[in-house]
């Protein structure tokens, strides 16, 4: 497999049972099979909408990347690493003993305005397989060298790539690795309201992925760069400029069409003003570009937060969350 600089070798761990994903739902938390898909979600006048009308909604919606969900083997250790090494804040933590998991939300600002990392610990599970498809998270900092030295002085994280210009460019970067094997790219950048600035995923067809995220989710192609000397191309997609918010970095390595997903990284959550309209648009685009609806839109039992979930054409999971319901959860 062709590998770019952002890829680091990791031991392949034995497969483990599925675990927590998002929100207070046993079905999602424990990784039980998704509820059966309801064919033909729209009825009545909704069913008469033209594709053009359906695809107008993603352009009008006020979507926002909310958080990324993934699993860790030692929650206290991970919290210590992220707060002491990277300067994140522990935003909230909740334990659900009846379902044998605990999760913690960390980031650089409050969840109602900033992106967060949702770490999930499943009782008794201390290792996961990250796979080859998930790339890294990224943290923007005004001084990469200073942050790298802080990481080096810690007892829980390590620097795997010393600060210096990125291959094929001039931006100063470094790479750090947390105790669970997740990689964090450290990017030198001016002041920003969102230091937690990237989620990098590898894809098998970059143009297809760009089109999917644009049409289905209303994201904008912010930047695309081909680096033929290292045989990879990247595209940044998101809802605002890279120095203002979190973006998704899609990476295509020449000739590589599929990647193993592992069982560590789970999904990214995106807020929307209307889960039903957003899912309708996603379903329409999946018929053209691939992917599938996993959970039709509707409220979660017990908390009534409206969500939907789907896979993109490469099998990366996305959960749509009602914006108003999400804010209620934070109260």
Protein backbone atom coordinates (compact mmCIF):
# COMPACT_ATOMS: atom_id res chain seq x y z
CA UNK A 1 0.00 0.00 0.00
CA UNK A 2 1.31 3.41 -0.88
CA UNK A 3 1.71 5.55 2.22
CA UNK A 4 2.08 9.31 2.61
CA UNK A 5 3.89 11.11 5.37
CA UNK A 6 0.81 11.23 7.57
CA UNK A 7 0.79 7.43 7.80
CA UNK A 8 2.64 5.74 10.63
CA UNK A 9 3.02 2.03 11.12
CA UNK A 10 1.06 0.57 14.01
CA UNK A 11 0.66 -2.99 15.28
CA UNK A 12 -2.49 -4.67 14.07
CA UNK A 13 -4.45 -5.63 17.16
CA UNK A 14 -6.88 -8.54 17.46
CA UNK A 15 -10.49 -7.64 16.64
CA UNK A 16 -12.62 -6.79 19.64
CA UNK A 17 -16.31 -6.52 20.25
CA UNK A 18 -18.09 -3.42 18.85
CA UNK A 19 -18.40 -0.56 21.31
CA UNK A 20 -19.75 2.89 21.97
CA UNK A 21 -20.46 5.38 19.23
CA UNK A 22 -22.67 8.39 20.01
CA UNK A 23 -25.23 9.76 22.45
CA UNK A 24 -27.14 7.93 25.17
CA UNK A 25 -28.53 5.04 23.17
CA UNK A 26 -27.70 1.43 23.92
CA UNK A 27 -28.01 0.54 20.25
CA UNK A 28 -25.42 3.12 19.26
CA UNK A 29 -23.27 2.84 22.35
CA UNK A 30 -22.69 -0.86 22.29
CA UNK A 31 -22.47 -1.16 18.52
CA UNK A 32 -25.60 -3.26 18.12
CA UNK A 33 -26.88 -3.58 14.55
CA UNK A 34 -28.50 -0.40 13.31
CA UNK A 35 -32.29 -0.40 13.16
CA UNK A 36 -33.69 -1.66 9.87
CA UNK A 37 -33.72 0.96 7.19
CA UNK A 38 -37.15 2.28 6.35
CA UNK A 39 -37.50 2.34 2.61
CA UNK A 40 -39.10 5.48 1.24
CA UNK A 41 -38.65 7.88 4.15
CA UNK A 42 -40.61 10.66 2.44
CA UNK A 43 -44.38 10.43 2.08
CA UNK A 44 -47.16 12.58 0.70
CA UNK A 45 -46.00 15.95 -0.57
CA UNK A 46 -42.46 15.14 0.56
CA UNK A 47 -42.35 12.28 -1.94
CA UNK A 48 -43.16 14.67 -4.76
CA UNK A 49 -40.05 16.78 -4.25
CA UNK A 50 -37.76 16.98 -7.23
CA UNK A 51 -34.08 16.12 -6.80
CA UNK A 52 -33.27 19.77 -7.38
CA UNK A 53 -35.44 20.81 -4.44
CA UNK A 54 -34.03 18.09 -2.18
CA UNK A 55 -30.45 19.11 -2.97
CA UNK A 56 -31.13 22.78 -2.24
CA UNK A 57 -31.40 22.02 1.47
CA UNK A 58 -27.70 21.22 2.07
CA UNK A 59 -26.86 24.61 0.55
CA UNK A 60 -29.21 26.42 2.95
CA UNK A 61 -28.73 24.39 6.13
CA UNK A 62 -26.58 25.63 9.00
CA UNK A 63 -24.46 22.53 9.44
CA UNK A 64 -21.46 22.34 11.77
CA UNK A 65 -18.94 19.65 12.61
CA UNK A 66 -19.70 18.76 16.24
CA UNK A 67 -17.30 16.02 17.33
CA UNK A 68 -15.40 12.89 16.37
CA UNK A 69 -16.04 9.66 18.28
CA UNK A 70 -13.42 7.00 18.93
CA UNK A 71 -12.44 4.36 21.46
CA UNK A 72 -9.55 4.35 23.93
CA UNK A 73 -8.15 1.69 26.24
CA UNK A 74 -7.54 3.91 29.29
CA UNK A 75 -9.74 6.98 29.59
CA UNK A 76 -7.88 8.66 32.46
CA UNK A 77 -4.58 8.23 30.63
CA UNK A 78 -6.02 9.72 27.45
CA UNK A 79 -7.50 12.69 29.31
CA UNK A 80 -4.15 13.32 30.99
CA UNK A 81 -2.38 13.19 27.63
CA UNK A 82 -4.75 15.57 25.87
CA UNK A 83 -4.93 18.12 28.68
CA UNK A 84 -1.27 18.13 29.70
CA UNK A 85 0.39 17.61 26.31
CA UNK A 86 -1.98 19.39 23.93
CA UNK A 87 -3.65 21.90 26.23
CA UNK A 88 -7.22 20.68 25.70
CA UNK A 89 -9.93 21.04 28.32
CA UNK A 90 -12.08 18.27 29.74
CA UNK A 91 -15.53 19.56 28.79
CA UNK A 92 -17.69 16.83 30.31
CA UNK A 93 -17.55 13.21 31.37
CA UNK A 94 -20.26 10.64 31.96
CA UNK A 95 -20.28 7.08 33.19
CA UNK A 96 -22.98 4.60 32.23
CA UNK A 97 -22.27 1.55 34.42
CA UNK A 98 -25.42 -0.32 33.38
CA UNK A 99 -24.03 -0.42 29.84
CA UNK A 100 -20.40 -0.67 30.93
CA UNK A 101 -18.90 2.38 29.25
CA UNK A 102 -17.65 5.85 30.09
CA UNK A 103 -16.99 8.72 27.76
CA UNK A 104 -15.34 12.09 27.95
CA UNK A 105 -15.52 15.13 25.69
CA UNK A 106 -12.36 17.21 25.21
CA UNK A 107 -11.54 20.25 23.12
CA UNK A 108 -10.30 23.82 23.11
CA UNK A 109 -13.66 25.54 23.59
CA UNK A 110 -17.29 24.92 24.59
CA UNK A 111 -19.18 22.34 22.57
CA UNK A 112 -21.86 24.80 21.47
CA UNK A 113 -19.25 26.65 19.41
CA UNK A 114 -16.20 24.38 19.05
CA UNK A 115 -15.34 20.93 17.76
CA UNK A 116 -14.71 18.23 20.37
CA UNK A 117 -13.26 14.74 20.66
CA UNK A 118 -15.57 12.18 22.26
CA UNK A 119 -13.45 9.44 23.81
CA UNK A 120 -15.21 6.22 24.75
CA UNK A 121 -13.91 3.62 27.19
CA UNK A 122 -15.66 0.25 27.23
CA UNK A 123 -15.15 -1.60 30.51
CA UNK A 124 -12.39 -4.18 30.24
CA UNK A 125 -11.29 -3.35 26.67
CA UNK A 126 -7.78 -1.89 26.61
CA UNK A 127 -6.75 -2.21 22.93
CA UNK A 128 -8.26 -1.48 19.53
CA UNK A 129 -7.20 -1.77 15.90
CA UNK A 130 -6.97 1.71 14.34
CA UNK A 131 -6.74 0.30 10.83
CA UNK A 132 -5.09 1.90 7.79
CA UNK A 133 -7.90 4.22 6.68
CA UNK A 134 -8.04 6.65 9.56
CA UNK A 135 -5.23 9.17 9.31
CA UNK A 136 -5.00 11.70 12.11
CA UNK A 137 -6.44 14.64 13.94
CA UNK A 138 -4.67 18.00 13.70
CA UNK A 139 -3.96 20.78 16.17
CA UNK A 140 -3.07 24.29 15.05
CA UNK A 141 -0.51 26.12 17.16
CA UNK A 142 1.48 29.32 16.82
CA UNK A 143 4.71 27.52 17.78
CA UNK A 144 5.09 23.90 16.68
CA UNK A 145 8.55 23.59 18.23
CA UNK A 146 7.28 24.69 21.62
CA UNK A 147 4.32 22.31 21.53
CA UNK A 148 6.56 19.45 20.37
CA UNK A 149 8.91 20.05 23.31
CA UNK A 150 5.93 20.00 25.66
CA UNK A 151 4.87 16.64 24.22
CA UNK A 152 8.40 15.27 24.56
CA UNK A 153 8.52 16.23 28.23
CA UNK A 154 5.34 14.30 28.98
CA UNK A 155 5.18 10.71 30.13
CA UNK A 156 2.20 9.69 28.01
CA UNK A 157 2.65 11.05 24.45
CA UNK A 158 5.57 11.04 22.02
CA UNK A 159 6.77 12.88 18.94
CA UNK A 160 6.97 10.60 15.90
CA UNK A 161 8.01 13.28 13.40
CA UNK A 162 10.20 16.22 14.41
CA UNK A 163 9.08 19.77 13.51
CA UNK A 164 9.95 20.86 9.99
CA UNK A 165 8.44 21.75 6.61
CA UNK A 166 5.83 19.36 5.25
CA UNK A 167 6.95 17.23 2.31
CA UNK A 168 6.11 19.07 -0.87
CA UNK A 169 5.38 22.35 0.94
CA UNK A 170 6.60 24.96 3.41
CA UNK A 171 4.17 24.70 6.35
CA UNK A 172 5.96 23.67 9.52
CA UNK A 173 4.45 20.55 11.07
CA UNK A 174 5.22 17.75 13.49
CA UNK A 175 3.44 14.53 14.42
CA UNK A 176 2.62 13.27 17.90
CA UNK A 177 1.20 9.93 18.96
CA UNK A 178 -1.04 9.32 21.96
CA UNK A 179 -0.91 6.15 24.12
CA UNK A 180 -3.64 4.46 22.07
CA UNK A 181 -1.78 5.00 18.80
CA UNK A 182 -3.83 7.91 17.44
CA UNK A 183 -1.77 10.42 15.49
CA UNK A 184 -2.03 14.19 15.93
CA UNK A 185 -0.53 16.49 13.33
CA UNK A 186 0.77 19.71 14.87
CA UNK A 187 0.47 22.57 12.38
CA UNK A 188 2.11 25.97 12.74
CA UNK A 189 -0.55 28.60 12.13
CA UNK A 190 -1.58 32.03 13.38
CA UNK A 191 -4.25 32.62 16.03
CA UNK A 192 -7.43 30.65 15.37
CA UNK A 193 -10.79 30.22 17.12
CA UNK A 194 -10.53 26.45 16.51
CA UNK A 195 -7.14 24.81 17.24
CA UNK A 196 -8.64 21.33 16.76
CA UNK A 197 -8.57 21.90 13.03
CA UNK A 198 -8.64 18.62 11.04
CA UNK A 199 -9.89 15.06 10.84
CA UNK A 200 -7.97 13.18 8.14
CA UNK A 201 -9.55 10.19 6.38
CA UNK A 202 -8.15 8.21 3.46
CA UNK A 203 -10.40 7.59 0.47
CA UNK A 204 -10.25 5.50 -2.69
CA UNK A 205 -11.67 8.02 -5.16
CA UNK A 206 -10.99 11.64 -4.23
CA UNK A 207 -13.23 13.29 -6.82
CA UNK A 208 -16.12 11.06 -5.81
CA UNK A 209 -15.62 11.90 -2.13
CA UNK A 210 -15.43 15.64 -2.79
CA UNK A 211 -18.64 15.50 -4.81
CA UNK A 212 -20.36 13.49 -2.07
CA UNK A 213 -19.48 15.88 0.74
CA UNK A 214 -20.43 18.87 -1.39
CA UNK A 215 -23.79 17.54 -2.63
CA UNK A 216 -24.92 15.49 0.36
CA UNK A 217 -23.65 17.67 3.20
CA UNK A 218 -23.22 21.12 1.72
CA UNK A 219 -19.49 21.33 2.41
CA UNK A 220 -17.19 23.48 0.33
CA UNK A 221 -13.99 22.39 -1.35
CA UNK A 222 -11.55 24.69 0.41
CA UNK A 223 -8.30 23.43 -1.08
CA UNK A 224 -7.01 20.61 -3.25
CA UNK A 225 -3.35 19.79 -3.67
CA UNK A 226 -1.63 17.12 -5.71
CA UNK A 227 1.87 16.02 -4.68
CA UNK A 228 2.98 13.70 -7.50
CA UNK A 229 6.53 13.28 -6.19
CA UNK A 230 5.06 11.54 -3.14
CA UNK A 231 2.08 10.04 -5.03
CA UNK A 232 -0.80 11.51 -3.08
CA UNK A 233 -3.49 14.17 -3.39
CA UNK A 234 -5.37 15.89 -0.58
CA UNK A 235 -8.60 17.88 -0.46
CA UNK A 236 -9.86 19.99 2.44
CA UNK A 237 -13.65 20.17 2.76
CA UNK A 238 -15.68 22.00 5.39
CA UNK A 239 -18.10 24.77 6.27
CA UNK A 240 -15.63 27.66 6.69
CA UNK A 241 -12.00 28.45 5.94
CA UNK A 242 -9.31 26.21 7.39
CA UNK A 243 -8.07 28.82 9.85
CA UNK A 244 -11.58 29.40 11.20
CA UNK A 245 -13.00 25.96 11.89
CA UNK A 246 -12.49 22.19 11.80
CA UNK A 247 -12.29 20.63 8.34
CA UNK A 248 -12.13 17.11 6.94
CA UNK A 249 -8.94 16.29 5.07
CA UNK A 250 -9.57 13.65 2.42
CA UNK A 251 -6.40 11.90 1.28
CA UNK A 252 -5.98 9.82 -1.85
CA UNK A 253 -2.83 7.72 -2.23
CA UNK A 254 -2.16 6.84 -5.87
CA UNK A 255 -3.49 3.41 -6.75
CA UNK A 256 -5.05 2.64 -3.35
CA UNK A 257 -8.81 2.15 -3.53
CA UNK A 258 -9.63 0.52 -0.19
CA UNK A 259 -8.42 0.70 3.41
CA UNK A 260 -9.07 -1.34 6.52
CA UNK A 261 -11.23 0.55 9.03
CA UNK A 262 -10.26 -1.25 12.23
CA UNK A 263 -12.54 -0.91 15.27
CA UNK A 264 -11.09 2.14 17.03
CA UNK A 265 -12.30 5.22 15.14
CA UNK A 266 -16.11 5.37 15.00
CA UNK A 267 -17.53 8.45 13.29
CA UNK A 268 -17.90 12.19 12.98
CA UNK A 269 -21.07 13.98 14.08
CA UNK A 270 -22.52 16.91 12.14
CA UNK A 271 -25.19 19.27 13.43
CA UNK A 272 -28.12 20.17 11.16
CA UNK A 273 -31.24 22.30 11.46
CA UNK A 274 -33.38 19.49 10.01
CA UNK A 275 -32.32 15.85 10.30
CA UNK A 276 -35.13 14.71 8.01
CA UNK A 277 -34.34 17.05 5.12
CA UNK A 278 -30.60 16.38 5.51
CA UNK A 279 -31.09 12.62 5.41
CA UNK A 280 -33.32 12.97 2.36
CA UNK A 281 -30.48 14.74 0.54
CA UNK A 282 -27.90 12.19 1.67
CA UNK A 283 -30.08 9.29 0.53
CA UNK A 284 -30.47 10.87 -2.89
CA UNK A 285 -26.72 11.36 -3.29
CA UNK A 286 -25.92 7.80 -2.16
CA UNK A 287 -27.91 6.53 -5.13
CA UNK A 288 -25.54 8.40 -7.41
CA UNK A 289 -22.18 8.10 -5.64
CA UNK A 290 -22.47 5.23 -3.16
CA UNK A 291 -22.85 4.93 0.58
CA UNK A 292 -26.00 3.98 2.49
CA UNK A 293 -28.37 5.11 5.21
CA UNK A 294 -27.78 3.16 8.43
CA UNK A 295 -30.36 4.74 10.69
CA UNK A 296 -33.34 6.68 9.32
CA UNK A 297 -34.02 10.05 10.98
CA UNK A 298 -35.91 10.09 14.24
CA UNK A 299 -35.62 10.68 18.00
CA UNK A 300 -33.49 8.51 20.22
CA UNK A 301 -35.50 6.66 22.87
CA UNK A 302 -35.26 8.27 26.26
CA UNK A 303 -33.65 11.57 25.31
CA UNK A 304 -35.58 12.47 22.13
CA UNK A 305 -32.53 13.87 20.34
CA UNK A 306 -33.24 13.47 16.64
CA UNK A 307 -30.43 11.80 14.71
CA UNK A 308 -29.72 9.83 11.55
CA UNK A 309 -26.60 7.98 10.43
CA UNK A 310 -25.07 6.87 7.16
CA UNK A 311 -21.91 5.64 5.48
CA UNK A 312 -20.13 7.68 2.82
CA UNK A 313 -18.91 5.96 -0.39
CA UNK A 314 -15.73 4.77 1.39
CA UNK A 315 -17.59 3.39 4.40
CA UNK A 316 -16.83 6.27 6.80
CA UNK A 317 -19.70 6.75 9.22
CA UNK A 318 -21.38 10.12 9.76
CA UNK A 319 -24.11 10.90 12.29
CA UNK A 320 -26.47 13.82 11.73
CA UNK A 321 -27.67 15.47 14.95
CA UNK A 322 -30.46 18.03 15.32
CA UNK A 323 -28.84 21.35 16.28
CA UNK A 324 -31.53 22.42 18.74
CA UNK A 325 -31.64 18.98 20.42
CA UNK A 326 -27.86 18.94 20.73
CA UNK A 327 -27.88 22.27 22.57
CA UNK A 328 -30.51 20.91 24.95
CA UNK A 329 -28.22 17.98 25.75
CA UNK A 330 -25.48 20.38 26.76
CA UNK A 331 -27.69 22.18 29.30
